[in-house]
Amino acid sequence: MGAKQNQTILTRLKSIPAVVNDDQTLPSFTTSDVPVTLDHVKRVGATFTSAELNSTSRNLIEELAEPIAVAMANSIVDSVAALWTSGNFSNYTLDNTPGYNTLIELRKAFIDRGINGNRYLSVNAATYAALLEDPLITRPNRFMSVGTDIIQTSEIAGVAGFSNIFEYPATPTTNFMTGFACTPEAVVLASRAPQDPREAFGGNIPFPGNFEVLTDPMTGFSAAAVEFINPLTLDVTVYLKWIYGVAVGNSAAGQRLVYND
């Protein structure tokens, strides 16, 4: 049985083992357990009335798929961003003129602390606009990122040691923060799909609609897709439901970007 709503599970952060001479004893491989409570239960979707469905030839349910995915992703990112506080991540870089040098300073901060791996940076809209004005940032992307547009996609790839730089307009503004740089272990997220309610009856009770667990093949994130029809009104309800939790992982792997200290 998997973890359930409001249960606390342990996720594991791995360390890089030390290299020793052949005549030395191998050191223990150390890991750090991070508790994560699955206390976020969310759903997103819509109900289409019979009148709405009968008044158009459009496939309203199919049109809803992309907005649902965007809303779901935004909600999860907002939960992660809520952890980007000075209490959780004390390290910061002060920069009132965002540009290529900002990225160099952020990268140096990680290197000085021995934080390696893929680095990412999320910034608010004003900071992203300032980065776009620096030719040291935009010129390499213009010639090397075939088929992409860093203005349309709100994403800059492969600059100054950062795998990706994202525009996140909802970046928290607490303590003058304009962005957050990190490697993946800075924040931990764990999720589960809700239990199929038919399992409570041994699978013998029919569900009045469709209940299917969908899993993203890239991330492994799962959610329940629920569809049903009101037999009296013939209204159609479609939604995704998921359970998750977030927690601070390695606080040294996060760096706040601020414009005033």
C-alpha atoms as a PDB file:
ATOM      1  CA  MET A   1       0.000   0.000   0.000  1.00  0.00           C
ATOM      2  CA  GLY A   2       1.257   3.460  -0.848  1.00  0.00           C
ATOM      3  CA  ALA A   3       1.325   6.469   1.443  1.00  0.00           C
ATOM      4  CA  LYS A   4      -2.010   8.098   2.156  1.00  0.00           C
ATOM      5  CA  GLN A   5      -3.288  11.617   2.671  1.00  0.00           C
ATOM      6  CA  ASN A   6      -1.668  13.409   5.648  1.00  0.00           C
ATOM      7  CA  GLN A   7       0.911  10.678   6.116  1.00  0.00           C
ATOM      8  CA  THR A   8       4.578  11.633   6.373  1.00  0.00           C
ATOM      9  CA  ILE A   9       7.013   9.813   4.133  1.00  0.00           C
ATOM     10  CA  LEU A  10      10.792   9.978   3.864  1.00  0.00           C
ATOM     11  CA  THR A  11      12.555  11.082   0.734  1.00  0.00           C
ATOM     12  CA  ARG A  12      16.283  10.633   0.403  1.00  0.00           C
ATOM     13  CA  LEU A  13      18.991  13.060  -0.656  1.00  0.00           C
ATOM     14  CA  LYS A  14      22.166  11.405  -1.922  1.00  0.00           C
ATOM     15  CA  SER A  15      25.695  12.632  -1.352  1.00  0.00           C
ATOM     16  CA  ILE A  16      28.755  12.274  -3.569  1.00  0.00           C
ATOM     17  CA  PRO A  17      31.125   9.626  -2.130  1.00  0.00           C
ATOM     18  CA  ALA A  18      34.803  10.353  -1.592  1.00  0.00           C
ATOM     19  CA  VAL A  19      37.486   8.763  -3.786  1.00  0.00           C
ATOM     20  CA  VAL A  20      40.181   6.956  -1.792  1.00  0.00           C
ATOM     21  CA  ASN A  21      43.415   5.121  -2.536  1.00  0.00           C
ATOM     22  CA  ASP A  22      43.163   1.412  -3.251  1.00  0.00           C
ATOM     23  CA  ASP A  23      44.694   0.479   0.098  1.00  0.00           C
ATOM     24  CA  GLN A  24      42.225   2.612   2.069  1.00  0.00           C
ATOM     25  CA  THR A  25      38.852   1.638   3.488  1.00  0.00           C
ATOM     26  CA  LEU A  26      35.890   2.749   1.431  1.00  0.00           C
ATOM     27  CA  PRO A  27      33.819   5.346   3.267  1.00  0.00           C
ATOM     28  CA  SER A  28      30.142   4.839   4.012  1.00  0.00           C
ATOM     29  CA  PHE A  29      27.736   6.156   1.432  1.00  0.00           C
ATOM     30  CA  THR A  30      25.785   8.798   3.323  1.00  0.00           C
ATOM     31  CA  THR A  31      22.246   9.914   2.616  1.00  0.00           C
ATOM     32  CA  SER A  32      19.923  12.385   4.288  1.00  0.00           C
ATOM     33  CA  ASP A  33      16.274  11.582   4.933  1.00  0.00           C
ATOM     34  CA  VAL A  34      13.813  14.428   4.458  1.00  0.00           C
ATOM     35  CA  PRO A  35      10.273  14.008   5.856  1.00  0.00           C
ATOM     36  CA  VAL A  36       7.466  15.175   3.593  1.00  0.00           C
ATOM     37  CA  THR A  37       3.827  15.277   4.695  1.00  0.00           C
ATOM     38  CA  LEU A  38       1.218  14.626   2.002  1.00  0.00           C
ATOM     39  CA  ASP A  39      -1.051  17.396   3.249  1.00  0.00           C
ATOM     40  CA  HIS A  40      -1.990  19.133  -0.004  1.00  0.00           C
ATOM     41  CA  VAL A  41      -5.150  17.768  -1.642  1.00  0.00           C
ATOM     42  CA  LYS A  42      -6.078  19.638  -4.786  1.00  0.00           C
ATOM     43  CA  ARG A  43      -8.367  19.318  -7.762  1.00  0.00           C
ATOM     44  CA  VAL A  44      -9.019  21.385 -10.853  1.00  0.00           C
ATOM     45  CA  GLY A  45     -11.623  21.051 -13.562  1.00  0.00           C
ATOM     46  CA  ALA A  46     -15.030  22.278 -14.600  1.00  0.00           C
ATOM     47  CA  THR A  47     -18.687  21.404 -14.928  1.00  0.00           C
ATOM     48  CA  PHE A  48     -20.356  21.920 -18.292  1.00  0.00           C
ATOM     49  CA  THR A  49     -24.086  22.336 -18.225  1.00  0.00           C
ATOM     50  CA  SER A  50     -26.306  20.488 -20.626  1.00  0.00           C
ATOM     51  CA  ALA A  51     -27.190  23.824 -22.215  1.00  0.00           C
ATOM     52  CA  GLU A  52     -23.512  24.607 -22.837  1.00  0.00           C
ATOM     53  CA  LEU A  53     -22.875  21.225 -24.415  1.00  0.00           C
ATOM     54  CA  ASN A  54     -25.961  21.390 -26.624  1.00  0.00           C
ATOM     55  CA  SER A  55     -25.295  24.906 -27.868  1.00  0.00           C
ATOM     56  CA  THR A  56     -21.941  24.271 -29.549  1.00  0.00           C
ATOM     57  CA  SER A  57     -20.217  21.767 -31.803  1.00  0.00           C
ATOM     58  CA  ARG A  58     -16.896  22.395 -30.052  1.00  0.00           C
ATOM     59  CA  ASN A  59     -15.361  19.689 -27.909  1.00  0.00           C
ATOM     60  CA  LEU A  60     -15.415  21.617 -24.634  1.00  0.00           C
ATOM     61  CA  ILE A  61     -13.924  18.773 -22.627  1.00  0.00           C
ATOM     62  CA  GLU A  62     -10.963  18.430 -24.989  1.00  0.00           C
ATOM     63  CA  GLU A  63     -10.429  22.196 -24.899  1.00  0.00           C
ATOM     64  CA  LEU A  64     -10.269  22.041 -21.107  1.00  0.00           C
ATOM     65  CA  ALA A  65      -7.273  19.678 -21.063  1.00  0.00           C
ATOM     66  CA  GLU A  66      -4.514  22.270 -21.559  1.00  0.00           C
ATOM     67  CA  PRO A  67      -5.921  24.879 -19.134  1.00  0.00           C
ATOM     68  CA  ILE A  68      -6.253  22.147 -16.493  1.00  0.00           C
ATOM     69  CA  ALA A  69      -2.612  21.126 -16.968  1.00  0.00           C
ATOM     70  CA  VAL A  70      -1.435  24.747 -16.725  1.00  0.00           C
ATOM     71  CA  ALA A  71      -3.491  25.421 -13.590  1.00  0.00           C
ATOM     72  CA  MET A  72      -2.226  22.218 -11.978  1.00  0.00           C
ATOM     73  CA  ALA A  73       1.412  23.051 -12.704  1.00  0.00           C
ATOM     74  CA  ASN A  74       1.014  26.642 -11.485  1.00  0.00           C
ATOM     75  CA  SER A  75      -0.498  25.455  -8.212  1.00  0.00           C
ATOM     76  CA  ILE A  76       2.367  23.030  -7.558  1.00  0.00           C
ATOM     77  CA  VAL A  77       5.028  25.606  -8.426  1.00  0.00           C
ATOM     78  CA  ASP A  78       3.352  28.133  -6.121  1.00  0.00           C
ATOM     79  CA  SER A  79       3.562  25.602  -3.274  1.00  0.00           C
ATOM     80  CA  VAL A  80       7.259  25.082  -3.945  1.00  0.00           C
ATOM     81  CA  ALA A  81       7.900  28.831  -4.198  1.00  0.00           C
ATOM     82  CA  ALA A  82       6.250  29.384  -0.824  1.00  0.00           C
ATOM     83  CA  LEU A  83       9.300  27.662   0.688  1.00  0.00           C
ATOM     84  CA  TRP A  84      11.729  30.207  -0.789  1.00  0.00           C
ATOM     85  CA  THR A  85      11.976  32.202   2.420  1.00  0.00           C
ATOM     86  CA  SER A  86      14.949  33.604   4.280  1.00  0.00           C
ATOM     87  CA  GLY A  87      14.146  31.246   7.135  1.00  0.00           C
ATOM     88  CA  ASN A  88      14.503  28.210   4.869  1.00  0.00           C
ATOM     89  CA  PHE A  89      17.251  29.530   2.586  1.00  0.00           C
ATOM     90  CA  SER A  90      19.517  32.050   4.291  1.00  0.00           C
ATOM     91  CA  ASN A  91      21.982  32.414   1.399  1.00  0.00           C
ATOM     92  CA  TYR A  92      21.299  35.244  -0.996  1.00  0.00           C
ATOM     93  CA  THR A  93      22.856  37.318  -3.755  1.00  0.00           C
ATOM     94  CA  LEU A  94      22.254  41.069  -3.813  1.00  0.00           C
ATOM     95  CA  ASP A  95      21.957  42.567  -7.280  1.00  0.00           C
ATOM     96  CA  ASN A  96      20.038  45.675  -8.327  1.00  0.00           C
ATOM     97  CA  THR A  97      21.052  45.452 -12.001  1.00  0.00           C
ATOM     98  CA  PRO A  98      20.251  41.926 -13.249  1.00  0.00           C
ATOM     99  CA  GLY A  99      22.395  40.690 -16.119  1.00  0.00           C
ATOM    100  CA  TYR A 100      25.095  38.204 -17.042  1.00  0.00           C
ATOM    101  CA  ASN A 101      27.158  39.179 -13.998  1.00  0.00           C
ATOM    102  CA  THR A 102      24.205  38.224 -11.803  1.00  0.00           C
ATOM    103  CA  LEU A 103      24.403  34.675 -13.110  1.00  0.00           C
ATOM    104  CA  ILE A 104      28.150  34.581 -12.517  1.00  0.00           C
ATOM    105  CA  GLU A 105      27.682  35.638  -8.889  1.00  0.00           C
ATOM    106  CA  LEU A 106      24.962  33.056  -8.316  1.00  0.00           C
ATOM    107  CA  ARG A 107      27.072  30.334  -9.884  1.00  0.00           C
ATOM    108  CA  LYS A 108      30.071  31.312  -7.759  1.00  0.00           C
ATOM    109  CA  ALA A 109      27.969  31.074  -4.598  1.00  0.00           C
ATOM    110  CA  PHE A 110      27.094  27.458  -5.400  1.00  0.00           C
ATOM    111  CA  ILE A 111      30.663  26.550  -6.324  1.00  0.00           C
ATOM    112  CA  ASP A 112      32.024  28.075  -3.114  1.00  0.00           C
ATOM    113  CA  ARG A 113      29.629  25.908  -1.078  1.00  0.00           C
ATOM    114  CA  GLY A 114      30.473  22.774  -3.048  1.00  0.00           C
ATOM    115  CA  ILE A 115      26.996  22.527  -4.598  1.00  0.00           C
ATOM    116  CA  ASN A 116      27.225  20.809  -7.965  1.00  0.00           C
ATOM    117  CA  GLY A 117      24.755  19.459 -10.489  1.00  0.00           C
ATOM    118  CA  ASN A 118      22.194  21.060 -12.751  1.00  0.00           C
ATOM    119  CA  ARG A 119      21.446  24.616 -11.679  1.00  0.00           C
ATOM    120  CA  TYR A 120      18.172  26.417 -12.283  1.00  0.00           C
ATOM    121  CA  LEU A 121      17.036  29.977 -11.792  1.00  0.00           C
ATOM    122  CA  SER A 122      13.494  31.308 -11.526  1.00  0.00           C
ATOM    123  CA  VAL A 123      12.968  35.085 -11.643  1.00  0.00           C
ATOM    124  CA  ASN A 124      10.092  37.525 -11.714  1.00  0.00           C
ATOM    125  CA  ALA A 125       8.960  39.239 -14.903  1.00  0.00           C
ATOM    126  CA  ALA A 126      10.965  42.437 -14.389  1.00  0.00           C
ATOM    127  CA  THR A 127      14.191  40.534 -13.758  1.00  0.00           C
ATOM    128  CA  TYR A 128      13.610  38.263 -16.735  1.00  0.00           C
ATOM    129  CA  ALA A 129      13.077  41.324 -18.931  1.00  0.00           C
ATOM    130  CA  ALA A 130      16.366  42.763 -17.668  1.00  0.00           C
ATOM    131  CA  LEU A 131      18.190  39.515 -18.471  1.00  0.00           C
ATOM    132  CA  LEU A 132      16.782  39.607 -22.005  1.00  0.00           C
ATOM    133  CA  GLU A 133      18.369  43.027 -22.495  1.00  0.00           C
ATOM    134  CA  ASP A 134      21.870  41.671 -21.858  1.00  0.00           C
ATOM    135  CA  PRO A 135      23.407  40.508 -25.176  1.00  0.00           C
ATOM    136  CA  LEU A 136      25.808  38.207 -23.307  1.00  0.00           C
ATOM    137  CA  ILE A 137      22.720  36.199 -22.348  1.00  0.00           C
ATOM    138  CA  THR A 138      20.543  36.474 -25.450  1.00  0.00           C
ATOM    139  CA  ARG A 139      23.172  36.172 -28.183  1.00  0.00           C
ATOM    140  CA  PRO A 140      24.256  32.565 -27.409  1.00  0.00           C
ATOM    141  CA  ASN A 141      20.631  31.452 -27.138  1.00  0.00           C
ATOM    142  CA  ARG A 142      19.746  33.112 -30.408  1.00  0.00           C
ATOM    143  CA  PHE A 143      22.336  31.122 -32.302  1.00  0.00           C
ATOM    144  CA  MET A 144      22.410  27.876 -30.329  1.00  0.00           C
ATOM    145  CA  SER A 145      18.784  27.197 -29.300  1.00  0.00           C
ATOM    146  CA  VAL A 146      17.388  26.071 -32.611  1.00  0.00           C
ATOM    147  CA  GLY A 147      13.623  26.254 -32.873  1.00  0.00           C
ATOM    148  CA  THR A 148      13.079  28.124 -29.608  1.00  0.00           C
ATOM    149  CA  ASP A 149      12.385  31.720 -28.720  1.00  0.00           C
ATOM    150  CA  ILE A 150      13.459  32.904 -25.273  1.00  0.00           C
ATOM    151  CA  ILE A 151      10.786  35.609 -25.302  1.00  0.00           C
ATOM    152  CA  GLN A 152       7.881  33.380 -26.317  1.00  0.00           C
ATOM    153  CA  THR A 153       8.895  30.433 -24.125  1.00  0.00           C
ATOM    154  CA  SER A 154       9.915  32.504 -21.071  1.00  0.00           C
ATOM    155  CA  GLU A 155      12.912  30.222 -20.743  1.00  0.00           C
ATOM    156  CA  ILE A 156      16.641  30.747 -21.276  1.00  0.00           C
ATOM    157  CA  ALA A 157      18.779  27.626 -21.582  1.00  0.00           C
ATOM    158  CA  GLY A 158      22.470  26.962 -21.060  1.00  0.00           C
ATOM    159  CA  VAL A 159      23.868  30.285 -19.835  1.00  0.00           C
ATOM    160  CA  ALA A 160      26.635  30.857 -17.255  1.00  0.00           C
ATOM    161  CA  GLY A 161      26.421  27.363 -15.844  1.00  0.00           C
ATOM    162  CA  PHE A 162      22.627  27.356 -15.495  1.00  0.00           C
ATOM    163  CA  SER A 163      20.700  24.617 -17.240  1.00  0.00           C
ATOM    164  CA  ASN A 164      17.572  26.764 -17.446  1.00  0.00           C
ATOM    165  CA  ILE A 165      16.380  30.202 -16.398  1.00  0.00           C
ATOM    166  CA  PHE A 166      12.612  30.595 -16.095  1.00  0.00           C
ATOM    167  CA  GLU A 167      10.296  33.575 -15.931  1.00  0.00           C
ATOM    168  CA  TYR A 168       7.965  33.146 -12.951  1.00  0.00           C
ATOM    169  CA  PRO A 169       5.783  36.248 -12.542  1.00  0.00           C
ATOM    170  CA  ALA A 170       4.403  34.977  -9.208  1.00  0.00           C
ATOM    171  CA  THR A 171       7.829  34.954  -7.550  1.00  0.00           C
ATOM    172  CA  PRO A 172       7.298  35.833  -3.862  1.00  0.00           C
ATOM    173  CA  THR A 173       8.380  39.374  -3.043  1.00  0.00           C
ATOM    174  CA  THR A 174       9.093  38.819   0.665  1.00  0.00           C
ATOM    175  CA  ASN A 175      12.426  40.295   1.777  1.00  0.00           C
ATOM    176  CA  PHE A 176      12.904  41.981  -1.617  1.00  0.00           C
ATOM    177  CA  MET A 177      13.255  38.671  -3.442  1.00  0.00           C
ATOM    178  CA  THR A 178      13.293  38.786  -7.234  1.00  0.00           C
ATOM    179  CA  GLY A 179      14.332  35.190  -7.968  1.00  0.00           C
ATOM    180  CA  PHE A 180      15.519  31.873  -6.648  1.00  0.00           C
ATOM    181  CA  ALA A 181      18.420  29.747  -7.872  1.00  0.00           C
ATOM    182  CA  CYS A 182      18.846  26.116  -6.911  1.00  0.00           C
ATOM    183  CA  THR A 183      19.848  22.599  -7.744  1.00  0.00           C
ATOM    184  CA  PRO A 184      17.133  19.901  -7.616  1.00  0.00           C
ATOM    185  CA  GLU A 185      17.796  18.825  -4.021  1.00  0.00           C
ATOM    186  CA  ALA A 186      16.911  22.262  -2.595  1.00  0.00           C
ATOM    187  CA  VAL A 187      13.208  21.444  -2.436  1.00  0.00           C
ATOM    188  CA  VAL A 188      11.596  18.027  -2.146  1.00  0.00           C
ATOM    189  CA  LEU A 189       8.167  17.180  -3.549  1.00  0.00           C
ATOM    190  CA  ALA A 190       6.339  13.891  -3.044  1.00  0.00           C
ATOM    191  CA  SER A 191       2.960  13.002  -4.505  1.00  0.00           C
ATOM    192  CA  ARG A 192       0.381  10.258  -4.752  1.00  0.00           C
ATOM    193  CA  ALA A 193      -2.761   9.757  -6.787  1.00  0.00           C
ATOM    194  CA  PRO A 194      -5.970   9.442  -4.741  1.00  0.00           C
ATOM    195  CA  GLN A 195      -7.216   5.950  -4.073  1.00  0.00           C
ATOM    196  CA  ASP A 196      -9.828   4.568  -6.430  1.00  0.00           C
ATOM    197  CA  PRO A 197     -13.006   4.702  -4.291  1.00  0.00           C
ATOM    198  CA  ARG A 198     -14.098   1.329  -5.687  1.00  0.00           C
ATOM    199  CA  GLU A 199     -11.236  -0.301  -3.783  1.00  0.00           C
ATOM    200  CA  ALA A 200     -13.077   0.379  -0.518  1.00  0.00           C
ATOM    201  CA  PHE A 201     -15.685  -2.149  -1.665  1.00  0.00           C
ATOM    202  CA  GLY A 202     -13.282  -4.661  -3.118  1.00  0.00           C
ATOM    203  CA  GLY A 203     -13.850  -3.286  -6.606  1.00  0.00           C
ATOM    204  CA  ASN A 204     -17.435  -4.590  -6.691  1.00  0.00           C
ATOM    205  CA  ILE A 205     -19.228  -1.238  -6.674  1.00  0.00           C
ATOM    206  CA  PRO A 206     -19.443   0.446 -10.104  1.00  0.00           C
ATOM    207  CA  PHE A 207     -18.232   4.037 -10.324  1.00  0.00           C
ATOM    208  CA  PRO A 208     -20.839   6.332 -11.917  1.00  0.00           C
ATOM    209  CA  GLY A 209     -18.438   7.663 -14.507  1.00  0.00           C
ATOM    210  CA  ASN A 210     -14.751   7.302 -15.335  1.00  0.00           C
ATOM    211  CA  PHE A 211     -11.929   7.133 -12.803  1.00  0.00           C
ATOM    212  CA  GLU A 212      -8.421   6.740 -14.184  1.00  0.00           C
ATOM    213  CA  VAL A 213      -4.970   7.398 -12.763  1.00  0.00           C
ATOM    214  CA  LEU A 214      -2.795   9.323 -15.225  1.00  0.00           C
ATOM    215  CA  THR A 215       0.988   9.368 -14.823  1.00  0.00           C
ATOM    216  CA  ASP A 216       3.413  11.738 -16.480  1.00  0.00           C
ATOM    217  CA  PRO A 217       6.107   9.545 -18.068  1.00  0.00           C
ATOM    218  CA  MET A 218       8.867  12.115 -17.499  1.00  0.00           C
ATOM    219  CA  THR A 219       8.323  13.014 -13.841  1.00  0.00           C
ATOM    220  CA  GLY A 220       6.269  10.080 -12.559  1.00  0.00           C
ATOM    221  CA  PHE A 221       3.713  12.526 -11.130  1.00  0.00           C
ATOM    222  CA  SER A 222       0.251  10.920 -10.965  1.00  0.00           C
ATOM    223  CA  ALA A 223      -3.252  12.300 -10.640  1.00  0.00           C
ATOM    224  CA  ALA A 224      -6.738  10.868 -10.821  1.00  0.00           C
ATOM    225  CA  ALA A 225      -8.843  11.897 -13.807  1.00  0.00           C
ATOM    226  CA  VAL A 226     -12.519  11.869 -12.880  1.00  0.00           C
ATOM    227  CA  GLU A 227     -15.439  12.240 -15.298  1.00  0.00           C
ATOM    228  CA  PHE A 228     -19.137  11.822 -14.585  1.00  0.00           C
ATOM    229  CA  ILE A 229     -22.579  12.875 -15.785  1.00  0.00           C
ATOM    230  CA  ASN A 230     -25.356  14.145 -13.555  1.00  0.00           C
ATOM    231  CA  PRO A 231     -28.265  11.820 -14.478  1.00  0.00           C
ATOM    232  CA  LEU A 232     -30.864  14.490 -13.699  1.00  0.00           C
ATOM    233  CA  THR A 233     -29.393  17.562 -15.409  1.00  0.00           C
ATOM    234  CA  LEU A 234     -27.035  15.817 -17.858  1.00  0.00           C
ATOM    235  CA  ASP A 235     -24.326  18.237 -16.780  1.00  0.00           C
ATOM    236  CA  VAL A 236     -20.796  16.880 -17.303  1.00  0.00           C
ATOM    237  CA  THR A 237     -18.073  17.263 -14.665  1.00  0.00           C
ATOM    238  CA  VAL A 238     -14.395  16.701 -15.433  1.00  0.00           C
ATOM    239  CA  TYR A 239     -11.503  17.205 -13.031  1.00  0.00           C
ATOM    240  CA  LEU A 240      -8.048  16.086 -11.943  1.00  0.00           C
ATOM    241  CA  LYS A 241      -7.327  15.352  -8.286  1.00  0.00           C
ATOM    242  CA  TRP A 242      -3.940  14.798  -6.663  1.00  0.00           C
ATOM    243  CA  ILE A 243      -2.242  14.602  -3.268  1.00  0.00           C
ATOM    244  CA  TYR A 244       1.228  15.969  -2.569  1.00  0.00           C
ATOM    245  CA  GLY A 245       3.575  17.572  -0.095  1.00  0.00           C
ATOM    246  CA  VAL A 246       6.638  19.809  -0.274  1.00  0.00           C
ATOM    247  CA  ALA A 247       9.565  20.331   2.082  1.00  0.00           C
ATOM    248  CA  VAL A 248      12.966  21.965   2.223  1.00  0.00           C
ATOM    249  CA  GLY A 249      15.667  19.533   1.162  1.00  0.00           C
ATOM    250  CA  ASN A 250      19.256  20.760   1.217  1.00  0.00           C
ATOM    251  CA  SER A 251      19.074  24.411   2.220  1.00  0.00           C
ATOM    252  CA  ALA A 252      22.616  25.000   0.945  1.00  0.00           C
ATOM    253  CA  ALA A 253      21.378  24.137  -2.562  1.00  0.00           C
ATOM    254  CA  GLY A 254      19.187  27.244  -2.709  1.00  0.00           C
ATOM    255  CA  GLN A 255      20.159  30.877  -3.249  1.00  0.00           C
ATOM    256  CA  ARG A 256      17.726  33.783  -3.100  1.00  0.00           C
ATOM    257  CA  LEU A 257      18.192  36.684  -5.514  1.00  0.00           C
ATOM    258  CA  VAL A 258      17.295  40.007  -3.889  1.00  0.00           C
ATOM    259  CA  TYR A 259      17.485  43.649  -4.922  1.00  0.00           C
ATOM    260  CA  ASN A 260      17.897  45.075  -1.443  1.00  0.00           C
ATOM    261  CA  ASP A 261      19.203  43.658   1.841  1.00  0.00           C
END
